[in-house]
Structure formats: C-alpha cells, structure tokens
Amino acid sequence: MNAASSSILIESNIPIVKLHARGKVRDVYAVDHDKLLIIATDRISAFDYILPTGIRDKGRVLTQISIFWFDLLRDIVPTHFLTADVSQYPEPLRAFAAQLEGRSMLVKRANMVEVECVARGYLAGSGWKEYCAKGTVCGIELPRGLRESDRLPEPIFTPATKAQSGHDENISLEAMARAVGQPLAYRLRDLTLEIYTRAAAYAESRGVIVADTKFEFGFAGDTLVLGDEVLTPDSSRFWPGASYAPGGPQASYDKQYVRDYLESIHWTKTPPAPPLPEEVAARTSGKYREAFEVLTGRPL
C-alpha cells in the first residue's frame, strides 16, 4: 500500500470534470454523456449526518468490495460497472491517480429507479422494531414468537423510498408498484431476492451472515442494471457467523460500532456531529478491512 492510497480522503478534487453529485460518502463526476466517475471517499455518516472524522481505507473497501460482487453476480443482472483500472480511464483523469487508485470506478450513466430495493433474511433494525409493535415487517406478517436477529423463514422484499435528507421510509410492494409500475416493481422484487439469496449463500460459505442489504437499480438505455454500491458494510448488515446468537443484537462488520459510540455519549443527533476518538476511528477502519478480507479471501 503506498502513501497516497493509505491517506484519508474526505473530499475529492478532480477539476477537469464537472462534479455531478456529492453524497454522504461518494463524489460523482460527469465524464461525458454516457459515463460517470464515482469516487468513494473516507467520509462516514451516522444517523443521517456526516461525521467530521474520516475512516482510513473506508472508500477503498466500499469500491473494491462492490467490484467483487459485481463480478460474482454478473450472470444474474447486468451492472453499471465499466472499469476501475485508472490506466483505462480517459487520459486527462490519469493525472489524478493518487485520488483515484483503489477507490474509484468508471460506470455507465443510468436513470436510477427512485426506490431502495431491500432484502431481509434476518429480523433486525427497523424490521425488528415494527415486528415488536405489529408482528409485521413492512406490512408482511411474520410468525409469532420470533426473537431479535432470528433468521426469517424465507427472505423478504421490503422496499423503501430514497430520502434526500432524513431516514428512508419503508413502503409496501403495492406502494412501490403504484410509484414505478407493477411490472417493474415485481421484476425488481424478484431480482433483489435472487441476488440476495446468491450473495447470502456465498457469504455463509465464508463465515459471514448477510442479515439484510439494499440494492439500487437503474436503466442504462433500455437495459436494467444494478448500480451504486453492492453488498458493502455501508449498505448491508454483516454478522460474523461464528458468534451468531439470536435473541439480541449481533456483533457486526459494519458501522454499528460508530453508532454505538455515538449513543454512548448521548449525542442528540442534531448538528454539529461530534468527532470520533482516534481509537474508535481505527477500530472502525479495521472492521471495514476485515469485512473485505473475509468475504473476498484476499488482502485489501
């Protein structure tokens, strides 16, 4: 690992191309009319706020684990991914290799479907809270007597609206069908569950439980593609299989450690977001790297 790749990148700066969008983690640049450059920074958000402390190597993990899954899932659905080899980028971009190596992707532009496609295989998070109150998850009735973190009888599809600010809102399949049309809604449900089933089985073979995850789809021309990030510690709950014990919260490879720290200091979840202590940031970085290495079987 060279010095450039190991340094923390909070905000990218590629002045030769237009900044298309800046999200909580990713900076997106318009390369031309049909390609985008996506750079995953080391920013981290919690409770819908970006924290002032960066997490070393986080952007590299998010990019490279997504590329791993794009390749593993390519026979199920086309993706927006073109290349992550900076030497194959348009020549002017190569001068910015220090920012781009390991944490960027050149992708097809796509018109994204404005719905998060969520697959849940275990009872956790907002699903657990709804189940405690109503016995359902996103309106789907589940058997009585389930415990927190229990495996569901079968994976379920629980779409959500894509909020620009604040929390995404869980919606029913019927509400999704009204928003995007029934044929597309049902197609995305089936794709989401097929991808989740394939990925969860693979992860289980590596000793990792994918409790839930979310996908984003869009249209590149007339082709439906899988886009954005895929099965990363930011978009998924990854639990170590060896320590799995239903009946309460689980150890995880994701940013739950950061959330737990912020809860412990009784942050009001209003700005400004507090900085993270060095040991919390370092341990979180280690969790992200471990997730990549366990799932892919290779070092970052």
Protein backbone atom coordinates (compact mmCIF):
# COMPACT_ATOMS: atom_id res chain seq x y z
CA MET A 1 0.00 0.00 0.00
CA ASN A 2 1.50 3.34 -1.00
CA ALA A 3 1.21 6.58 0.94
CA ALA A 4 -1.38 8.01 -1.39
CA SER A 5 -3.72 5.04 -1.12
CA SER A 6 -3.43 4.88 2.69
CA SER A 7 -4.14 8.57 3.30
CA ILE A 8 -7.63 9.62 4.35
CA LEU A 9 -9.66 11.23 1.57
CA ILE A 10 -12.53 13.36 2.86
CA GLU A 11 -13.29 15.26 -0.33
CA SER A 12 -12.06 14.60 -3.84
CA ASN A 13 -10.96 17.31 -6.23
CA ILE A 14 -10.95 16.49 -9.95
CA PRO A 15 -11.23 19.97 -11.52
CA ILE A 16 -11.10 18.81 -15.15
CA VAL A 17 -14.55 17.20 -14.95
CA LYS A 18 -17.81 18.57 -13.60
CA LEU A 19 -18.96 17.49 -10.14
CA HIS A 20 -22.26 15.74 -10.81
CA ALA A 21 -23.24 14.92 -7.23
CA ARG A 22 -21.74 14.74 -3.74
CA GLY A 23 -23.36 12.23 -1.42
CA LYS A 24 -22.68 11.24 2.14
CA VAL A 25 -19.76 9.08 1.02
CA ARG A 26 -19.34 9.30 -2.76
CA ASP A 27 -18.31 12.10 -5.09
CA VAL A 28 -19.66 11.61 -8.62
CA TYR A 29 -18.23 13.36 -11.70
CA ALA A 30 -19.67 13.63 -15.20
CA VAL A 31 -17.04 12.27 -17.61
CA ASP A 32 -19.17 12.51 -20.76
CA HIS A 33 -22.77 12.00 -21.87
CA ASP A 34 -22.79 8.28 -21.05
CA LYS A 35 -20.15 7.74 -18.34
CA LEU A 36 -19.69 8.82 -14.72
CA LEU A 37 -16.68 8.66 -12.41
CA ILE A 38 -17.56 7.56 -8.88
CA ILE A 39 -15.06 8.17 -6.08
CA ALA A 40 -15.71 6.63 -2.67
CA THR A 41 -14.24 8.90 -0.01
CA ASP A 42 -13.44 8.02 3.58
CA ARG A 43 -16.37 10.04 4.91
CA ILE A 44 -18.69 8.24 7.30
CA SER A 45 -22.24 9.11 8.25
CA ALA A 46 -24.36 8.03 11.17
CA PHE A 47 -27.95 8.88 11.99
CA ASP A 48 -28.06 10.77 8.67
CA TYR A 49 -25.20 13.15 9.47
CA ILE A 50 -21.66 13.16 8.07
CA LEU A 51 -19.12 12.97 10.87
CA PRO A 52 -16.05 15.21 10.83
CA THR A 53 -13.71 12.23 11.29
CA GLY A 54 -12.73 10.15 8.28
CA ILE A 55 -12.24 6.35 8.40
CA ARG A 56 -8.99 5.27 6.80
CA ASP A 57 -9.41 2.90 3.81
CA LYS A 58 -13.21 3.01 4.00
CA GLY A 59 -13.59 4.28 0.45
CA ARG A 60 -11.22 1.65 -0.88
CA VAL A 61 -13.21 -1.08 0.86
CA LEU A 62 -16.55 0.17 -0.46
CA THR A 63 -15.24 0.36 -4.03
CA GLN A 64 -13.36 -2.90 -4.13
CA ILE A 65 -16.00 -4.98 -2.37
CA SER A 66 -18.63 -3.64 -4.80
CA ILE A 67 -16.42 -4.62 -7.74
CA PHE A 68 -16.03 -8.10 -6.25
CA TRP A 69 -19.81 -8.54 -6.03
CA PHE A 70 -20.47 -7.03 -9.47
CA ASP A 71 -18.27 -9.77 -10.89
CA LEU A 72 -19.81 -12.55 -8.80
CA LEU A 73 -23.37 -11.54 -9.72
CA ARG A 74 -22.87 -10.64 -13.38
CA ASP A 75 -24.75 -13.70 -14.65
CA ILE A 76 -27.89 -12.61 -12.76
CA VAL A 77 -28.12 -8.99 -13.84
CA PRO A 78 -26.04 -6.51 -15.89
CA THR A 79 -24.30 -3.78 -13.88
CA HIS A 80 -23.27 -0.19 -14.48
CA PHE A 81 -19.59 -1.04 -13.84
CA LEU A 82 -17.10 -0.44 -16.66
CA THR A 83 -13.62 -0.42 -15.12
CA ALA A 84 -11.63 0.50 -12.03
CA ASP A 85 -8.29 0.40 -13.84
CA VAL A 86 -7.12 4.02 -13.84
CA SER A 87 -4.84 3.31 -16.80
CA GLN A 88 -8.02 2.64 -18.81
CA TYR A 89 -9.67 5.93 -17.78
CA PRO A 90 -9.76 8.85 -20.23
CA GLU A 91 -6.20 10.19 -20.42
CA PRO A 92 -6.79 13.52 -18.56
CA LEU A 93 -8.08 11.65 -15.49
CA ARG A 94 -4.90 9.64 -15.12
CA ALA A 95 -3.08 12.67 -13.73
CA PHE A 96 -5.27 12.29 -10.62
CA ALA A 97 -4.28 8.69 -9.95
CA ALA A 98 -3.39 9.44 -6.32
CA GLN A 99 -7.04 10.22 -5.63
CA LEU A 100 -8.46 7.56 -7.92
CA GLU A 101 -6.43 4.38 -7.38
CA GLY A 102 -8.38 1.76 -5.48
CA ARG A 103 -11.36 3.94 -4.63
CA SER A 104 -12.93 4.91 -7.97
CA MET A 105 -14.99 3.33 -10.73
CA LEU A 106 -15.88 4.38 -14.24
CA VAL A 107 -19.53 3.47 -14.76
CA LYS A 108 -22.35 3.80 -17.27
CA ARG A 109 -24.79 6.61 -16.67
CA ALA A 110 -28.16 5.21 -15.67
CA ASN A 111 -31.58 6.61 -14.89
CA MET A 112 -31.98 5.28 -11.38
CA VAL A 113 -35.24 3.86 -10.06
CA GLU A 114 -36.18 6.03 -7.10
CA VAL A 115 -36.75 3.13 -4.73
CA GLU A 116 -34.32 1.28 -2.45
CA CYS A 117 -34.68 -2.47 -3.00
CA VAL A 118 -34.15 -4.09 0.40
CA ALA A 119 -33.82 -7.80 1.12
CA ARG A 120 -34.07 -9.07 4.68
CA GLY A 121 -33.10 -12.55 5.75
CA TYR A 122 -32.98 -11.87 9.48
CA LEU A 123 -35.04 -9.84 11.93
CA ALA A 124 -33.06 -6.72 12.82
CA GLY A 125 -33.08 -2.93 12.75
CA SER A 126 -36.30 -1.20 11.80
CA GLY A 127 -37.79 -4.58 10.90
CA TRP A 128 -37.37 -5.80 14.48
CA LYS A 129 -38.96 -2.63 15.85
CA GLU A 130 -42.00 -3.00 13.59
CA TYR A 131 -42.30 -6.69 14.40
CA CYS A 132 -42.35 -5.92 18.14
CA ALA A 133 -45.14 -3.39 17.61
CA LYS A 134 -47.26 -5.10 14.97
CA GLY A 135 -45.97 -8.60 14.23
CA THR A 136 -45.09 -7.46 10.71
CA VAL A 137 -42.16 -6.10 8.69
CA CYS A 138 -43.20 -3.55 6.08
CA GLY A 139 -46.71 -4.92 6.41
CA ILE A 140 -45.60 -8.53 5.79
CA GLU A 141 -46.96 -10.80 8.52
CA LEU A 142 -44.37 -12.99 10.20
CA PRO A 143 -44.75 -15.95 12.57
CA ARG A 144 -45.25 -15.14 16.23
CA GLY A 145 -42.51 -15.65 18.78
CA LEU A 146 -39.51 -14.59 16.70
CA ARG A 147 -36.54 -13.14 18.56
CA GLU A 148 -34.33 -10.23 17.59
CA SER A 149 -31.80 -11.41 14.98
CA ASP A 150 -33.71 -14.62 14.23
CA ARG A 151 -33.42 -15.99 10.72
CA LEU A 152 -36.67 -15.46 8.82
CA PRO A 153 -38.50 -18.47 7.36
CA GLU A 154 -37.55 -17.09 3.94
CA PRO A 155 -36.02 -13.80 2.74
CA ILE A 156 -38.48 -10.95 2.27
CA PHE A 157 -38.51 -7.91 -0.01
CA THR A 158 -39.11 -4.62 1.81
CA PRO A 159 -38.65 -1.59 -0.47
CA ALA A 160 -38.07 1.92 0.82
CA THR A 161 -38.29 5.42 -0.55
CA LYS A 162 -34.97 7.12 -1.26
CA ALA A 163 -34.92 10.15 1.02
CA GLN A 164 -32.59 13.03 0.10
CA SER A 165 -32.49 14.00 3.76
CA GLY A 166 -33.63 12.15 6.84
CA HIS A 167 -34.43 8.46 7.06
CA ASP A 168 -35.60 6.36 4.15
CA GLU A 169 -39.20 5.25 4.65
CA ASN A 170 -40.24 1.63 4.33
CA ILE A 171 -43.10 1.11 1.87
CA SER A 172 -45.17 -1.86 0.72
CA LEU A 173 -44.71 -3.65 -2.59
CA GLU A 174 -48.11 -2.28 -3.57
CA ALA A 175 -46.97 1.29 -2.91
CA MET A 176 -43.82 0.65 -4.94
CA ALA A 177 -45.94 -0.71 -7.79
CA ARG A 178 -48.00 2.48 -7.78
CA ALA A 179 -44.79 4.54 -7.94
CA VAL A 180 -42.87 2.67 -10.66
CA GLY A 181 -45.45 0.41 -12.26
CA GLN A 182 -46.36 -3.16 -11.35
CA PRO A 183 -44.22 -4.99 -13.93
CA LEU A 184 -41.03 -3.18 -12.87
CA ALA A 185 -41.83 -3.48 -9.16
CA TYR A 186 -42.30 -7.24 -9.43
CA ARG A 187 -39.20 -7.60 -11.60
CA LEU A 188 -37.10 -5.70 -9.05
CA ARG A 189 -38.53 -7.76 -6.20
CA ASP A 190 -37.57 -10.99 -7.92
CA LEU A 191 -34.09 -9.72 -8.86
CA THR A 192 -33.46 -8.43 -5.35
CA LEU A 193 -34.32 -11.74 -3.73
CA GLU A 194 -32.34 -13.73 -6.31
CA ILE A 195 -29.25 -11.57 -5.78
CA TYR A 196 -29.62 -11.70 -2.00
CA THR A 197 -30.02 -15.48 -1.99
CA ARG A 198 -26.89 -15.95 -4.12
CA ALA A 199 -24.83 -13.48 -2.09
CA ALA A 200 -26.00 -14.76 1.30
CA ALA A 201 -25.10 -18.33 0.38
CA TYR A 202 -21.65 -17.27 -0.78
CA ALA A 203 -21.07 -15.14 2.34
CA GLU A 204 -22.20 -18.00 4.57
CA SER A 205 -19.51 -20.17 2.98
CA ARG A 206 -17.02 -17.54 4.16
CA GLY A 207 -18.41 -17.47 7.70
CA VAL A 208 -20.41 -14.25 7.25
CA ILE A 209 -24.16 -13.74 7.66
CA VAL A 210 -25.77 -11.14 5.40
CA ALA A 211 -28.68 -10.17 7.65
CA ASP A 212 -30.06 -7.63 5.20
CA THR A 213 -28.93 -5.43 2.36
CA LYS A 214 -30.19 -2.87 -0.12
CA PHE A 215 -29.72 -2.55 -3.86
CA GLU A 216 -30.26 0.22 -6.37
CA PHE A 217 -31.23 -0.36 -9.98
CA GLY A 218 -31.47 1.89 -13.00
CA PHE A 219 -31.77 1.89 -16.75
CA ALA A 220 -28.71 2.36 -18.97
CA GLY A 221 -30.59 2.96 -22.17
CA ASP A 222 -33.20 0.20 -22.25
CA THR A 223 -31.14 -2.17 -20.08
CA LEU A 224 -31.95 -2.64 -16.41
CA VAL A 225 -28.68 -2.57 -14.46
CA LEU A 226 -27.52 -3.00 -10.89
CA GLY A 227 -25.81 0.21 -9.79
CA ASP A 228 -24.37 2.28 -6.96
CA GLU A 229 -22.71 0.16 -4.24
CA VAL A 230 -23.40 -3.55 -3.77
CA LEU A 231 -23.24 -5.60 -0.58
CA THR A 232 -20.86 -3.29 1.25
CA PRO A 233 -20.61 -2.73 5.02
CA ASP A 234 -22.45 0.58 4.43
CA SER A 235 -25.42 -0.96 2.60
CA SER A 236 -25.65 -4.26 4.49
CA ARG A 237 -25.63 -5.85 7.91
CA PHE A 238 -22.75 -8.33 8.00
CA TRP A 239 -22.54 -10.55 11.10
CA PRO A 240 -19.74 -12.99 11.96
CA GLY A 241 -21.29 -16.43 11.70
CA ALA A 242 -19.14 -17.87 14.47
CA SER A 243 -20.61 -15.56 17.12
CA TYR A 244 -24.21 -15.53 15.87
CA ALA A 245 -26.64 -15.92 18.77
CA PRO A 246 -30.26 -14.85 18.15
CA GLY A 247 -32.14 -13.13 20.93
CA GLY A 248 -30.41 -9.75 20.81
CA PRO A 249 -28.10 -7.51 18.75
CA GLN A 250 -25.17 -9.15 16.96
CA ALA A 251 -21.52 -8.30 16.53
CA SER A 252 -21.06 -6.79 13.10
CA TYR A 253 -18.56 -5.79 10.44
CA ASP A 254 -20.42 -2.56 9.64
CA LYS A 255 -20.54 0.91 11.21
CA GLN A 256 -22.71 -0.20 14.12
CA TYR A 257 -19.62 0.31 16.30
CA VAL A 258 -19.73 4.02 15.43
CA ARG A 259 -23.46 4.22 16.12
CA ASP A 260 -22.94 2.53 19.49
CA TYR A 261 -20.22 5.04 20.41
CA LEU A 262 -22.42 7.98 19.47
CA GLU A 263 -25.27 6.55 21.55
CA SER A 264 -22.90 6.10 24.49
CA ILE A 265 -22.01 9.81 24.54
CA HIS A 266 -25.72 10.75 24.30
CA TRP A 267 -25.34 12.79 21.14
CA THR A 268 -28.66 14.47 20.37
CA LYS A 269 -28.40 13.53 16.66
CA THR A 270 -28.52 17.16 15.66
CA PRO A 271 -25.67 19.14 14.07
CA PRO A 272 -22.84 19.55 14.57
CA ALA A 273 -21.88 15.88 14.54
CA PRO A 274 -19.12 15.08 17.04
CA PRO A 275 -15.66 13.87 16.01
CA LEU A 276 -14.69 10.28 16.71
CA PRO A 277 -11.85 9.41 19.10
CA GLU A 278 -8.81 8.01 17.35
CA GLU A 279 -9.36 4.52 18.77
CA VAL A 280 -12.98 4.41 17.55
CA ALA A 281 -11.96 5.53 14.05
CA ALA A 282 -9.10 3.00 13.97
CA ARG A 283 -11.29 0.12 15.14
CA THR A 284 -13.97 1.03 12.59
CA SER A 285 -11.37 1.08 9.83
CA GLY A 286 -10.28 -2.38 10.93
CA LYS A 287 -13.84 -3.68 10.76
CA TYR A 288 -14.24 -2.45 7.18
CA ARG A 289 -10.95 -4.01 6.08
CA GLU A 290 -11.81 -7.27 7.84
CA ALA A 291 -15.17 -7.44 6.05
CA PHE A 292 -13.43 -7.15 2.69
CA GLU A 293 -10.73 -9.66 3.50
CA VAL A 294 -13.08 -12.29 4.97
CA LEU A 295 -15.55 -12.08 2.10
CA THR A 296 -13.08 -11.94 -0.77
CA GLY A 297 -10.31 -14.09 0.69
CA ARG A 298 -7.64 -11.55 -0.24
CA PRO A 299 -5.97 -8.56 1.45
CA LEU A 300 -7.11 -5.04 0.66
